[in-house]
C-alpha atoms as a PDB file:
ATOM      1  CA  MET A   1      -7.628  17.578  10.847  1.00  0.00           C
ATOM      2  CA  PHE A   2      -6.171  18.494   7.830  1.00  0.00           C
ATOM      3  CA  VAL A   3      -8.385  19.358   4.601  1.00  0.00           C
ATOM      4  CA  TRP A   4      -6.862  19.427   1.165  1.00  0.00           C
ATOM      5  CA  VAL A   5      -7.726  23.036  -0.141  1.00  0.00           C
ATOM      6  CA  LYS A   6      -7.313  23.464  -3.917  1.00  0.00           C
ATOM      7  CA  GLN A   7      -5.975  27.002  -5.200  1.00  0.00           C
ATOM      8  CA  GLY A   8      -9.237  27.754  -6.693  1.00  0.00           C
ATOM      9  CA  PHE A   9     -11.473  27.526  -3.505  1.00  0.00           C
ATOM     10  CA  LEU A  10      -8.866  30.009  -1.939  1.00  0.00           C
ATOM     11  CA  VAL A  11      -9.640  32.370  -4.736  1.00  0.00           C
ATOM     12  CA  LEU A  12     -13.014  31.735  -4.714  1.00  0.00           C
ATOM     13  CA  ILE A  13     -13.123  32.587  -0.869  1.00  0.00           C
ATOM     14  CA  ALA A  14     -11.109  35.713  -1.396  1.00  0.00           C
ATOM     15  CA  ALA A  15     -13.546  36.930  -4.121  1.00  0.00           C
ATOM     16  CA  THR A  16     -16.652  36.186  -2.098  1.00  0.00           C
ATOM     17  CA  LEU A  17     -15.009  38.136   0.744  1.00  0.00           C
ATOM     18  CA  PHE A  18     -13.651  40.730  -0.950  1.00  0.00           C
ATOM     19  CA  THR A  19     -17.148  41.200  -2.798  1.00  0.00           C
ATOM     20  CA  ALA A  20     -18.939  40.883   0.549  1.00  0.00           C
ATOM     21  CA  SER A  21     -16.789  43.953   2.259  1.00  0.00           C
ATOM     22  CA  ALA A  22     -17.339  46.099  -0.948  1.00  0.00           C
ATOM     23  CA  GLU A  23     -21.062  45.538  -0.788  1.00  0.00           C
ATOM     24  CA  ALA A  24     -21.198  46.420   2.962  1.00  0.00           C
ATOM     25  CA  SER A  25     -19.072  49.600   2.365  1.00  0.00           C
ATOM     26  CA  GLY A  26     -21.392  50.707  -0.698  1.00  0.00           C
ATOM     27  CA  LYS A  27     -18.548  50.323  -2.894  1.00  0.00           C
ATOM     28  CA  LYS A  28     -18.705  48.554  -6.382  1.00  0.00           C
ATOM     29  CA  TYR A  29     -15.277  47.242  -8.092  1.00  0.00           C
ATOM     30  CA  GLY A  30     -16.496  46.009 -11.383  1.00  0.00           C
ATOM     31  CA  PHE A  31     -15.962  42.468 -10.657  1.00  0.00           C
ATOM     32  CA  GLY A  32     -16.453  39.225  -8.068  1.00  0.00           C
ATOM     33  CA  LYS A  33     -20.060  37.941  -7.249  1.00  0.00           C
ATOM     34  CA  THR A  34     -21.050  36.058  -3.745  1.00  0.00           C
ATOM     35  CA  ALA A  35     -20.250  32.237  -3.894  1.00  0.00           C
ATOM     36  CA  THR A  36     -23.602  30.418  -4.411  1.00  0.00           C
ATOM     37  CA  PRO A  37     -24.346  27.521  -2.134  1.00  0.00           C
ATOM     38  CA  GLU A  38     -24.164  25.326  -4.965  1.00  0.00           C
ATOM     39  CA  GLU A  39     -20.566  26.644  -5.865  1.00  0.00           C
ATOM     40  CA  ILE A  40     -19.657  26.112  -2.341  1.00  0.00           C
ATOM     41  CA  ALA A  41     -20.797  22.680  -2.134  1.00  0.00           C
ATOM     42  CA  GLY A  42     -19.026  21.754  -5.187  1.00  0.00           C
ATOM     43  CA  TRP A  43     -15.941  22.455  -3.077  1.00  0.00           C
ATOM     44  CA  ASP A  44     -16.811  21.315  -0.066  1.00  0.00           C
ATOM     45  CA  ILE A  45     -15.899  17.363  -0.663  1.00  0.00           C
ATOM     46  CA  ASP A  46     -13.439  16.335   2.361  1.00  0.00           C
ATOM     47  CA  ILE A  47     -14.426  13.483   4.038  1.00  0.00           C
ATOM     48  CA  ARG A  48     -13.288  13.112   7.597  1.00  0.00           C
ATOM     49  CA  PRO A  49     -12.306  10.301   9.850  1.00  0.00           C
ATOM     50  CA  ASP A  50     -15.976   9.489  11.303  1.00  0.00           C
ATOM     51  CA  GLY A  51     -17.491   8.936   7.870  1.00  0.00           C
ATOM     52  CA  HIS A  52     -18.890  12.440   7.273  1.00  0.00           C
ATOM     53  CA  GLY A  53     -18.683  13.560   3.615  1.00  0.00           C
ATOM     54  CA  LEU A  54     -18.441  10.168   2.416  1.00  0.00           C
ATOM     55  CA  PRO A  55     -20.369   9.858  -1.236  1.00  0.00           C
ATOM     56  CA  PRO A  56     -23.089   7.523  -2.219  1.00  0.00           C
ATOM     57  CA  GLY A  57     -21.542   4.353  -4.102  1.00  0.00           C
ATOM     58  CA  LYS A  58     -19.900   1.010  -3.634  1.00  0.00           C
ATOM     59  CA  GLY A  59     -17.241  -0.881  -4.958  1.00  0.00           C
ATOM     60  CA  ASN A  60     -15.035  -4.012  -3.983  1.00  0.00           C
ATOM     61  CA  SER A  61     -11.524  -4.568  -4.805  1.00  0.00           C
ATOM     62  CA  GLU A  62     -12.329  -6.577  -7.820  1.00  0.00           C
ATOM     63  CA  LEU A  63     -13.432  -3.887  -9.894  1.00  0.00           C
ATOM     64  CA  GLY A  64     -11.001  -1.764  -8.095  1.00  0.00           C
ATOM     65  CA  GLU A  65      -7.650  -3.779  -9.659  1.00  0.00           C
ATOM     66  CA  ALA A  66      -9.161  -3.427 -13.320  1.00  0.00           C
ATOM     67  CA  ILE A  67      -9.572   0.577 -12.719  1.00  0.00           C
ATOM     68  CA  TYR A  68      -5.787   0.623 -10.587  1.00  0.00           C
ATOM     69  CA  LEU A  69      -4.253  -1.282 -13.415  1.00  0.00           C
ATOM     70  CA  GLN A  70      -5.547   0.977 -16.053  1.00  0.00           C
ATOM     71  CA  ARG A  71      -5.190   4.339 -14.291  1.00  0.00           C
ATOM     72  CA  CYS A  72      -3.096   4.124 -11.350  1.00  0.00           C
ATOM     73  CA  ALA A  73      -0.679   1.640 -12.102  1.00  0.00           C
ATOM     74  CA  SER A  74       1.797   3.628 -14.644  1.00  0.00           C
ATOM     75  CA  CYS A  75       2.883   5.606 -11.525  1.00  0.00           C
ATOM     76  CA  HIS A  76       2.726   3.531  -8.486  1.00  0.00           C
ATOM     77  CA  GLY A  77       3.298   0.198  -9.833  1.00  0.00           C
ATOM     78  CA  GLU A  78       1.403  -2.702 -10.504  1.00  0.00           C
ATOM     79  CA  PHE A  79       1.773  -4.006  -7.136  1.00  0.00           C
ATOM     80  CA  GLY A  80       1.967  -0.480  -5.306  1.00  0.00           C
ATOM     81  CA  GLU A  81       5.625  -0.997  -5.336  1.00  0.00           C
ATOM     82  CA  ALA A  82       5.874   2.470  -6.972  1.00  0.00           C
ATOM     83  CA  VAL A  83       7.727   3.989 -10.280  1.00  0.00           C
ATOM     84  CA  GLY A  84      10.367   5.992 -10.132  1.00  0.00           C
ATOM     85  CA  ARG A  85       9.859   8.823  -7.345  1.00  0.00           C
ATOM     86  CA  TYR A  86       6.304   8.240  -7.126  1.00  0.00           C
ATOM     87  CA  PRO A  87       4.827   6.969  -3.687  1.00  0.00           C
ATOM     88  CA  VAL A  88       4.814   3.436  -2.580  1.00  0.00           C
ATOM     89  CA  LEU A  89       1.558   2.600  -1.568  1.00  0.00           C
ATOM     90  CA  VAL A  90       1.779  -1.031   0.091  1.00  0.00           C
ATOM     91  CA  GLY A  91       4.090  -2.417   2.257  1.00  0.00           C
ATOM     92  CA  GLY A  92       6.660  -1.334   4.855  1.00  0.00           C
ATOM     93  CA  PHE A  93       4.974  -3.036   7.530  1.00  0.00           C
ATOM     94  CA  ASP A  94       7.333  -3.140  10.768  1.00  0.00           C
ATOM     95  CA  SER A  95       9.620  -0.770   9.084  1.00  0.00           C
ATOM     96  CA  LEU A  96       8.507   2.576  11.476  1.00  0.00           C
ATOM     97  CA  THR A  97      11.492   2.047  13.483  1.00  0.00           C
ATOM     98  CA  GLU A  98      14.077   1.798  11.256  1.00  0.00           C
ATOM     99  CA  GLU A  99      16.447   4.523  10.081  1.00  0.00           C
ATOM    100  CA  ARG A 100      14.377   5.080   6.775  1.00  0.00           C
ATOM    101  CA  PRO A 101      10.974   3.866   7.463  1.00  0.00           C
ATOM    102  CA  GLU A 102       8.600   3.241   4.386  1.00  0.00           C
ATOM    103  CA  LYS A 103       5.414   4.973   5.288  1.00  0.00           C
ATOM    104  CA  THR A 104       2.794   3.451   2.953  1.00  0.00           C
ATOM    105  CA  VAL A 105      -1.259   3.410   3.471  1.00  0.00           C
ATOM    106  CA  GLY A 106      -0.491   0.064   5.119  1.00  0.00           C
ATOM    107  CA  SER A 107       2.437   1.237   7.308  1.00  0.00           C
ATOM    108  CA  TYR A 108       1.503   4.448   8.355  1.00  0.00           C
ATOM    109  CA  TRP A 109      -1.714   6.197   7.664  1.00  0.00           C
ATOM    110  CA  PRO A 110      -3.658   6.542  10.669  1.00  0.00           C
ATOM    111  CA  TYR A 111      -7.291   6.807   8.703  1.00  0.00           C
ATOM    112  CA  ALA A 112      -8.950   5.349   5.853  1.00  0.00           C
ATOM    113  CA  SER A 113     -10.763   8.368   5.286  1.00  0.00           C
ATOM    114  CA  THR A 114      -7.410  10.238   4.503  1.00  0.00           C
ATOM    115  CA  VAL A 115      -7.065   7.501   1.267  1.00  0.00           C
ATOM    116  CA  ILE A 116     -10.379   7.877  -0.052  1.00  0.00           C
ATOM    117  CA  ASP A 117     -10.424  11.846   0.478  1.00  0.00           C
ATOM    118  CA  TYR A 118      -7.019  12.204  -1.664  1.00  0.00           C
ATOM    119  CA  ILE A 119      -7.998   9.693  -4.151  1.00  0.00           C
ATOM    120  CA  ARG A 120     -11.433  11.681  -4.373  1.00  0.00           C
ATOM    121  CA  ARG A 121      -9.946  14.961  -5.259  1.00  0.00           C
ATOM    122  CA  ALA A 122      -6.589  14.596  -6.661  1.00  0.00           C
ATOM    123  CA  MET A 123      -6.012  10.898  -8.513  1.00  0.00           C
ATOM    124  CA  PRO A 124      -5.563   9.904 -11.193  1.00  0.00           C
ATOM    125  CA  PHE A 125      -2.719  12.335 -11.540  1.00  0.00           C
ATOM    126  CA  GLY A 126      -3.528  14.932 -14.479  1.00  0.00           C
ATOM    127  CA  GLU A 127      -7.146  13.793 -14.128  1.00  0.00           C
ATOM    128  CA  ALA A 128      -8.609  14.326 -10.822  1.00  0.00           C
ATOM    129  CA  GLN A 129     -11.828  13.946  -9.643  1.00  0.00           C
ATOM    130  CA  THR A 130     -12.771  11.695 -13.106  1.00  0.00           C
ATOM    131  CA  LEU A 131     -13.431   8.782 -11.186  1.00  0.00           C
ATOM    132  CA  THR A 132     -17.321   7.753 -10.522  1.00  0.00           C
ATOM    133  CA  ASN A 133     -18.402   7.294  -6.775  1.00  0.00           C
ATOM    134  CA  ASP A 134     -18.051   3.497  -7.335  1.00  0.00           C
ATOM    135  CA  GLU A 135     -14.768   3.427  -8.860  1.00  0.00           C
ATOM    136  CA  LEU A 136     -13.357   5.585  -5.958  1.00  0.00           C
ATOM    137  CA  TYR A 137     -14.836   3.234  -3.615  1.00  0.00           C
ATOM    138  CA  ALA A 138     -13.855   0.265  -5.746  1.00  0.00           C
ATOM    139  CA  VAL A 139     -10.191   1.782  -6.250  1.00  0.00           C
ATOM    140  CA  THR A 140     -10.185   2.555  -2.380  1.00  0.00           C
ATOM    141  CA  ALA A 141     -10.818  -0.963  -1.513  1.00  0.00           C
ATOM    142  CA  TYR A 142      -8.375  -2.455  -3.636  1.00  0.00           C
ATOM    143  CA  VAL A 143      -5.671  -0.467  -2.071  1.00  0.00           C
ATOM    144  CA  LEU A 144      -6.809  -1.216   1.386  1.00  0.00           C
ATOM    145  CA  SER A 145      -7.161  -5.064   0.650  1.00  0.00           C
ATOM    146  CA  MET A 146      -3.758  -5.234  -0.647  1.00  0.00           C
ATOM    147  CA  ASN A 147      -2.659  -3.729   2.428  1.00  0.00           C
ATOM    148  CA  GLU A 148      -4.143  -6.861   4.323  1.00  0.00           C
ATOM    149  CA  ILE A 149      -6.672  -3.921   6.059  1.00  0.00           C
ATOM    150  CA  ILE A 150      -9.854  -5.270   4.486  1.00  0.00           C
ATOM    151  CA  ASP A 151     -11.076  -8.561   3.212  1.00  0.00           C
ATOM    152  CA  PRO A 152     -10.853  -8.616  -0.404  1.00  0.00           C
ATOM    153  CA  GLU A 153     -14.508  -9.565  -0.957  1.00  0.00           C
ATOM    154  CA  LEU A 154     -15.686  -6.710   0.997  1.00  0.00           C
ATOM    155  CA  GLU A 155     -18.142  -4.321  -0.785  1.00  0.00           C
ATOM    156  CA  LEU A 156     -17.060  -0.862   0.384  1.00  0.00           C
ATOM    157  CA  SER A 157     -19.787   1.864   0.777  1.00  0.00           C
ATOM    158  CA  ARG A 158     -20.875   4.808   2.910  1.00  0.00           C
ATOM    159  CA  ALA A 159     -22.359   2.367   5.564  1.00  0.00           C
ATOM    160  CA  ASN A 160     -19.145   0.150   6.580  1.00  0.00           C
ATOM    161  CA  PHE A 161     -16.356   2.554   5.874  1.00  0.00           C
ATOM    162  CA  ALA A 162     -15.985   4.050   9.369  1.00  0.00           C
ATOM    163  CA  ASP A 163     -15.437   0.707  10.589  1.00  0.00           C
ATOM    164  CA  ILE A 164     -12.040   0.163   8.831  1.00  0.00           C
ATOM    165  CA  LYS A 165      -9.518   0.327  11.532  1.00  0.00           C
ATOM    166  CA  MET A 166      -5.838   1.455  10.390  1.00  0.00           C
ATOM    167  CA  PRO A 167      -2.834  -0.404  11.830  1.00  0.00           C
ATOM    168  CA  ASN A 168      -1.061   2.465  13.029  1.00  0.00           C
ATOM    169  CA  ALA A 169      -4.035   4.331  13.978  1.00  0.00           C
ATOM    170  CA  PRO A 170      -2.944   3.669  17.799  1.00  0.00           C
ATOM    171  CA  ASN A 171       0.563   5.539  17.154  1.00  0.00           C
ATOM    172  CA  PHE A 172      -0.857   8.977  16.408  1.00  0.00           C
ATOM    173  CA  ILE A 173      -1.402  10.935  19.619  1.00  0.00           C
ATOM    174  CA  VAL A 174      -1.241  14.426  21.011  1.00  0.00           C
ATOM    175  CA  ASP A 175       2.293  15.104  21.942  1.00  0.00           C
ATOM    176  CA  GLN A 176       2.676  16.647  25.037  1.00  0.00           C
ATOM    177  CA  ARG A 177       6.275  17.137  25.202  1.00  0.00           C
ATOM    178  CA  PRO A 178       7.155  20.756  26.331  1.00  0.00           C
ATOM    179  CA  ASP A 179       9.693  21.025  23.339  1.00  0.00           C
ATOM    180  CA  ALA A 180       6.779  19.949  20.745  1.00  0.00           C
ATOM    181  CA  GLN A 181       4.480  22.736  21.785  1.00  0.00           C
ATOM    182  CA  PRO A 182       4.341  26.301  19.176  1.00  0.00           C
ATOM    183  CA  PRO A 183       7.074  28.239  19.749  1.00  0.00           C
ATOM    184  CA  LYS A 184       6.878  31.472  21.637  1.00  0.00           C
ATOM    185  CA  ILE A 185       7.222  34.789  20.228  1.00  0.00           C
ATOM    186  CA  CYS A 186      10.764  36.219  21.509  1.00  0.00           C
ATOM    187  CA  MET A 187      10.374  39.779  22.147  1.00  0.00           C
ATOM    188  CA  SER A 188      13.481  40.653  24.831  1.00  0.00           C
ATOM    189  CA  ASP A 189      16.580  38.644  25.766  1.00  0.00           C
ATOM    190  CA  CYS A 190      16.267  36.232  22.801  1.00  0.00           C
ATOM    191  CA  LYS A 191      18.858  33.688  22.020  1.00  0.00           C
ATOM    192  CA  THR A 192      21.841  34.236  19.870  1.00  0.00           C
ATOM    193  CA  ASP A 193      22.527  30.829  19.039  1.00  0.00           C
ATOM    194  CA  VAL A 194      20.744  27.839  17.938  1.00  0.00           C
ATOM    195  CA  LYS A 195      21.831  24.186  18.531  1.00  0.00           C
ATOM    196  CA  ILE A 196      20.494  21.407  16.817  1.00  0.00           C
ATOM    197  CA  ILE A 197      20.067  18.521  19.404  1.00  0.00           C
ATOM    198  CA  GLY A 198      18.313  16.154  16.817  1.00  0.00           C
ATOM    199  CA  LYS A 199      17.427  15.336  13.490  1.00  0.00           C
ATOM    200  CA  ALA A 200      13.989  13.613  12.447  1.00  0.00           C
ATOM    201  CA  ARG A 201      15.689  11.985   9.387  1.00  0.00           C
ATOM    202  CA  LYS A 202      19.329  11.279   8.491  1.00  0.00           C
ATOM    203  CA  ILE A 203      19.501  11.932   4.474  1.00  0.00           C
ATOM    204  CA  ASP A 204      22.522  10.526   2.750  1.00  0.00           C
ATOM    205  CA  VAL A 205      22.458  10.909  -1.175  1.00  0.00           C
ATOM    206  CA  THR A 206      25.596   8.722  -1.491  1.00  0.00           C
ATOM    207  CA  PRO A 207      24.414   5.559  -2.890  1.00  0.00           C
ATOM    208  CA  GLU A 208      25.403   2.383  -0.526  1.00  0.00           C
ATOM    209  CA  GLY A 209      27.664  -0.204  -2.168  1.00  0.00           C
ATOM    210  CA  GLU A 210      26.176  -3.439  -3.330  1.00  0.00           C
ATOM    211  CA  LYS A 211      27.115  -6.720  -1.622  1.00  0.00           C
ATOM    212  CA  GLU A 212      29.123  -9.162  -4.019  1.00  0.00           C
ATOM    213  CA  ALA A 213      26.704 -11.252  -5.560  1.00  0.00           C
ATOM    214  CA  GLN A 214      26.299 -14.786  -3.780  1.00  0.00           C
ATOM    215  CA  PRO A 215      25.479 -18.278  -5.788  1.00  0.00           C
ATOM    216  CA  VAL A 216      21.622 -18.202  -5.759  1.00  0.00           C
ATOM    217  CA  ALA A 217      20.460 -21.298  -3.405  1.00  0.00           C
ATOM    218  CA  THR A 218      18.739 -23.626  -5.534  1.00  0.00           C
ATOM    219  CA  THR A 219      16.691 -27.113  -5.193  1.00  0.00           C
ATOM    220  CA  ASN A 220      17.300 -28.520  -8.305  1.00  0.00           C
ATOM    221  CA  ASP A 221      18.678 -31.453  -6.801  1.00  0.00           C
ATOM    222  CA  GLN A 222      16.084 -33.794  -6.973  1.00  0.00           C
ATOM    223  CA  PRO A 223      16.469 -36.438  -4.373  1.00  0.00           C
ATOM    224  CA  ALA A 224      17.136 -33.422  -1.714  1.00  0.00           C
ATOM    225  CA  GLN A 225      13.867 -31.825  -3.218  1.00  0.00           C
ATOM    226  CA  LYS A 226      12.016 -35.141  -2.637  1.00  0.00           C
ATOM    227  CA  THR A 227      13.636 -35.859   0.853  1.00  0.00           C
ATOM    228  CA  GLN A 228      12.759 -31.929   1.798  1.00  0.00           C
ATOM    229  CA  MET A 229       8.821 -32.598   0.547  1.00  0.00           C
ATOM    230  CA  ALA A 230       8.456 -35.813   2.280  1.00  0.00           C
ATOM    231  CA  ALA A 231       9.439 -33.941   5.618  1.00  0.00           C
ATOM    232  CA  ALA A 232       7.324 -31.217   5.100  1.00  0.00           C
ATOM    233  CA  ALA A 233       4.395 -33.574   4.529  1.00  0.00           C
ATOM    234  CA  GLN A 234       4.224 -34.709   8.568  1.00  0.00           C
ATOM    235  CA  THR A 235       3.553 -30.507   8.880  1.00  0.00           C
ATOM    236  CA  GLY A 236       0.826 -28.155   8.527  1.00  0.00           C
ATOM    237  CA  ASP A 237      -2.846 -28.426   8.078  1.00  0.00           C
ATOM    238  CA  PRO A 238      -4.216 -27.743   4.613  1.00  0.00           C
ATOM    239  CA  VAL A 239      -7.901 -26.949   6.081  1.00  0.00           C
ATOM    240  CA  ALA A 240      -6.360 -24.251   8.514  1.00  0.00           C
ATOM    241  CA  GLY A 241      -4.052 -22.961   5.229  1.00  0.00           C
ATOM    242  CA  LYS A 242      -7.085 -22.412   3.383  1.00  0.00           C
ATOM    243  CA  LYS A 243      -8.130 -20.191   6.234  1.00  0.00           C
ATOM    244  CA  VAL A 244      -4.975 -18.283   5.851  1.00  0.00           C
ATOM    245  CA  PHE A 245      -4.779 -18.492   2.098  1.00  0.00           C
ATOM    246  CA  ASN A 246      -7.894 -15.843   2.157  1.00  0.00           C
ATOM    247  CA  LYS A 247      -5.173 -13.265   2.821  1.00  0.00           C
ATOM    248  CA  CYS A 248      -3.673 -14.230  -0.427  1.00  0.00           C
ATOM    249  CA  LYS A 249      -6.763 -14.552  -2.485  1.00  0.00           C
ATOM    250  CA  THR A 250      -6.724 -10.914  -3.665  1.00  0.00           C
ATOM    251  CA  CYS A 251      -3.425 -11.806  -5.718  1.00  0.00           C
ATOM    252  CA  HIS A 252      -3.511 -15.010  -6.370  1.00  0.00           C
ATOM    253  CA  THR A 253      -5.634 -18.353  -7.871  1.00  0.00           C
ATOM    254  CA  VAL A 254      -4.880 -21.597  -6.739  1.00  0.00           C
ATOM    255  CA  THR A 255      -7.093 -23.868  -8.951  1.00  0.00           C
ATOM    256  CA  ARG A 256      -6.164 -25.676 -12.175  1.00  0.00           C
ATOM    257  CA  ASP A 257      -5.523 -23.477 -15.232  1.00  0.00           C
ATOM    258  CA  GLY A 258      -6.573 -20.866 -12.943  1.00  0.00           C
ATOM    259  CA  LYS A 259      -6.114 -16.736 -13.894  1.00  0.00           C
ATOM    260  CA  ASN A 260      -3.454 -14.534 -13.101  1.00  0.00           C
ATOM    261  CA  LYS A 261      -4.424 -11.997 -10.960  1.00  0.00           C
ATOM    262  CA  VAL A 262      -2.044  -8.904  -9.441  1.00  0.00           C
ATOM    263  CA  GLY A 263       0.291 -12.413  -8.805  1.00  0.00           C
ATOM    264  CA  PRO A 264       0.592 -15.438 -10.904  1.00  0.00           C
ATOM    265  CA  ASN A 265      -1.729 -18.484 -10.246  1.00  0.00           C
ATOM    266  CA  LEU A 266      -0.204 -21.174  -7.711  1.00  0.00           C
ATOM    267  CA  TRP A 267      -1.362 -24.292  -8.641  1.00  0.00           C
ATOM    268  CA  SER A 268       1.720 -27.019  -8.334  1.00  0.00           C
ATOM    269  CA  VAL A 269       3.685 -23.776  -7.428  1.00  0.00           C
ATOM    270  CA  ILE A 270       6.079 -26.537  -5.350  1.00  0.00           C
ATOM    271  CA  GLY A 271       8.776 -27.369  -7.416  1.00  0.00           C
ATOM    272  CA  ARG A 272       7.760 -25.042 -10.318  1.00  0.00           C
ATOM    273  CA  LYS A 273      10.427 -22.706 -11.843  1.00  0.00           C
ATOM    274  CA  CYS A 274      10.477 -19.394 -10.836  1.00  0.00           C
ATOM    275  CA  GLY A 275       8.757 -16.904 -13.296  1.00  0.00           C
ATOM    276  CA  SER A 276       7.158 -19.871 -15.487  1.00  0.00           C
ATOM    277  CA  VAL A 277       3.861 -19.167 -15.521  1.00  0.00           C
ATOM    278  CA  PRO A 278       2.706 -17.742 -18.709  1.00  0.00           C
ATOM    279  CA  LYS A 279       1.392 -14.344 -18.931  1.00  0.00           C
ATOM    280  CA  ALA A 280       2.018 -13.428 -15.349  1.00  0.00           C
ATOM    281  CA  ARG A 281       3.337 -10.136 -14.199  1.00  0.00           C
ATOM    282  CA  HIS A 282       6.212  -9.719 -12.048  1.00  0.00           C
ATOM    283  CA  SER A 283       8.167  -6.899 -10.104  1.00  0.00           C
ATOM    284  CA  LYS A 284      11.523  -6.273 -10.911  1.00  0.00           C
ATOM    285  CA  GLY A 285      12.914  -7.752  -7.727  1.00  0.00           C
ATOM    286  CA  TYR A 286      11.260 -10.741  -8.296  1.00  0.00           C
ATOM    287  CA  LYS A 287      12.221 -11.413 -12.186  1.00  0.00           C
ATOM    288  CA  THR A 288      15.871 -10.607 -11.030  1.00  0.00           C
ATOM    289  CA  ALA A 289      15.991 -13.413  -8.693  1.00  0.00           C
ATOM    290  CA  CYS A 290      14.031 -15.455 -11.181  1.00  0.00           C
ATOM    291  CA  SER A 291      16.823 -14.850 -13.830  1.00  0.00           C
ATOM    292  CA  SER A 292      18.735 -18.079 -12.424  1.00  0.00           C
ATOM    293  CA  LYS A 293      17.987 -20.907 -14.365  1.00  0.00           C
ATOM    294  CA  ASP A 294      17.905 -23.259 -11.289  1.00  0.00           C
ATOM    295  CA  PHE A 295      15.857 -21.448  -9.210  1.00  0.00           C
ATOM    296  CA  ILE A 296      12.698 -23.883  -8.473  1.00  0.00           C
ATOM    297  CA  TRP A 297      10.330 -23.180  -5.663  1.00  0.00           C
ATOM    298  CA  SER A 298      10.939 -25.672  -2.752  1.00  0.00           C
ATOM    299  CA  GLU A 299       8.900 -25.807   0.386  1.00  0.00           C
ATOM    300  CA  GLU A 300      11.884 -24.897   2.087  1.00  0.00           C
ATOM    301  CA  GLY A 301      12.281 -21.439  -0.209  1.00  0.00           C
ATOM    302  CA  LEU A 302       8.422 -20.864   0.182  1.00  0.00           C
ATOM    303  CA  ARG A 303       8.741 -21.162   3.821  1.00  0.00           C
ATOM    304  CA  THR A 304      11.595 -18.502   4.267  1.00  0.00           C
ATOM    305  CA  TYR A 305       9.891 -16.642   1.380  1.00  0.00           C
ATOM    306  CA  LEU A 306       6.380 -16.255   2.877  1.00  0.00           C
ATOM    307  CA  LYS A 307       8.041 -15.015   6.361  1.00  0.00           C
ATOM    308  CA  ASN A 308      10.052 -12.009   4.678  1.00  0.00           C
ATOM    309  CA  PRO A 309       9.758 -12.059   0.746  1.00  0.00           C
ATOM    310  CA  SER A 310      11.829  -8.817   0.082  1.00  0.00           C
ATOM    311  CA  ALA A 311      14.730 -10.345   2.380  1.00  0.00           C
ATOM    312  CA  TYR A 312      14.596 -13.753   0.578  1.00  0.00           C
ATOM    313  CA  LEU A 313      14.824 -12.380  -2.818  1.00  0.00           C
ATOM    314  CA  SER A 314      17.601 -10.029  -1.834  1.00  0.00           C
ATOM    315  CA  GLU A 315      19.660 -12.882  -0.425  1.00  0.00           C
ATOM    316  CA  LEU A 316      19.134 -14.843  -3.440  1.00  0.00           C
ATOM    317  CA  THR A 317      20.398 -12.017  -5.775  1.00  0.00           C
ATOM    318  CA  GLY A 318      23.047 -10.831  -3.612  1.00  0.00           C
ATOM    319  CA  LYS A 319      21.774  -7.189  -3.564  1.00  0.00           C
ATOM    320  CA  LYS A 320      18.985  -5.348  -1.994  1.00  0.00           C
ATOM    321  CA  VAL A 321      15.586  -5.854  -4.123  1.00  0.00           C
ATOM    322  CA  ARG A 322      11.998  -5.288  -3.591  1.00  0.00           C
ATOM    323  CA  SER A 323       9.377  -8.329  -3.607  1.00  0.00           C
ATOM    324  CA  SER A 324       5.922  -7.244  -5.004  1.00  0.00           C
ATOM    325  CA  MET A 325       4.388  -9.425  -2.544  1.00  0.00           C
ATOM    326  CA  ASN A 326       3.905  -7.228   0.840  1.00  0.00           C
ATOM    327  CA  LEU A 327       2.146 -10.040   3.206  1.00  0.00           C
ATOM    328  CA  ARG A 328       4.131 -11.397   6.090  1.00  0.00           C
ATOM    329  CA  LEU A 329       3.241 -14.656   7.553  1.00  0.00           C
ATOM    330  CA  LYS A 330       5.240 -13.968  11.257  1.00  0.00           C
ATOM    331  CA  LYS A 331       3.535 -17.180  13.003  1.00  0.00           C
ATOM    332  CA  GLU A 332       4.999 -20.593  12.156  1.00  0.00           C
ATOM    333  CA  LYS A 333       2.045 -22.268  12.116  1.00  0.00           C
ATOM    334  CA  GLN A 334       0.684 -20.553   9.779  1.00  0.00           C
ATOM    335  CA  VAL A 335       3.254 -20.761   7.374  1.00  0.00           C
ATOM    336  CA  ASP A 336       3.164 -24.735   7.517  1.00  0.00           C
ATOM    337  CA  ASP A 337      -0.760 -24.586   7.062  1.00  0.00           C
ATOM    338  CA  VAL A 338      -0.466 -22.595   3.818  1.00  0.00           C
ATOM    339  CA  ILE A 339       2.429 -24.743   2.581  1.00  0.00           C
ATOM    340  CA  ALA A 340       0.301 -27.623   3.426  1.00  0.00           C
ATOM    341  CA  TYR A 341      -2.800 -26.348   1.376  1.00  0.00           C
ATOM    342  CA  LEU A 342      -0.508 -25.420  -1.592  1.00  0.00           C
ATOM    343  CA  ARG A 343       0.728 -28.860  -1.431  1.00  0.00           C
ATOM    344  CA  SER A 344      -2.447 -30.532  -1.650  1.00  0.00           C
ATOM    345  CA  PHE A 345      -2.546 -28.711  -5.081  1.00  0.00           C
ATOM    346  CA  SER A 346       0.597 -30.066  -6.364  1.00  0.00           C
ATOM    347  CA  GLN A 347      -0.507 -33.616  -5.795  1.00  0.00           C
ATOM    348  CA  LYS A 348      -3.612 -33.442  -7.844  1.00  0.00           C
END
């Protein structure tokens, strides 16, 4: 268990111990005092995986989105994709086996308590501990829902927080390997040289060359697009797609004249020009892909995008870009069903 400790708390402990030692010896040094229970309680704010230390309060991702955009997005990005060198909060799914894994809340962190604990004591940057308990739960709920860990409509509170299961938690185990145990202090017959037999991470600061840009695949050929849509009309169940779309409701609405949320409204998205929704927010990678005047959202394009958004946009632009959409649908049936559901809103 790791406990975040502020420097001031260490000073308080040191002063308390020093004062107690002085009092025991009968000496008076003229400074310091014994910390009161109230002072100690003010610093004792850690939150543990079993829920111990959770404050009273409640909040949901809808409220959390507004707070996040106002107080967190300037560093972590509107979609959790990060700005500059600040940490990425969302995505990185299935990346832990790669050479450079993306360790986010959703892909790596083992406990939800780590999220709320860190936000509580250290965020927003420069304004730590200014969030109310309700705001704290709301922002935590929003970050977790963006990572598809909790339902967007769940109201998070002390009563249900300990029920949250993080995707990567089972992969945190006690390392029993002999070479992973604490080293023994050498007193005699010590080694004269040390050989490095492995590295935790290869760090290569040399920029990789960008791939030559390829022509953007378009679907502006109307006859082909109609044929494509007709073929797709035979697949997918819109009723089942509505249930799958619940995963998307955190970021998208799908009603006529629906408001933009984290992502744009998806009414009549099939056949729509990329990036054409007024006042919608888009990531840098998405804007790059949309720079082609002929990029129209086809069903086939959506099919590929829903499986791996970043890979699809990278293929379109000819260079590696990051999509703000972190959801990936791995099952073909889910993809078919969601497209059938979206198609039903393109025909009304």
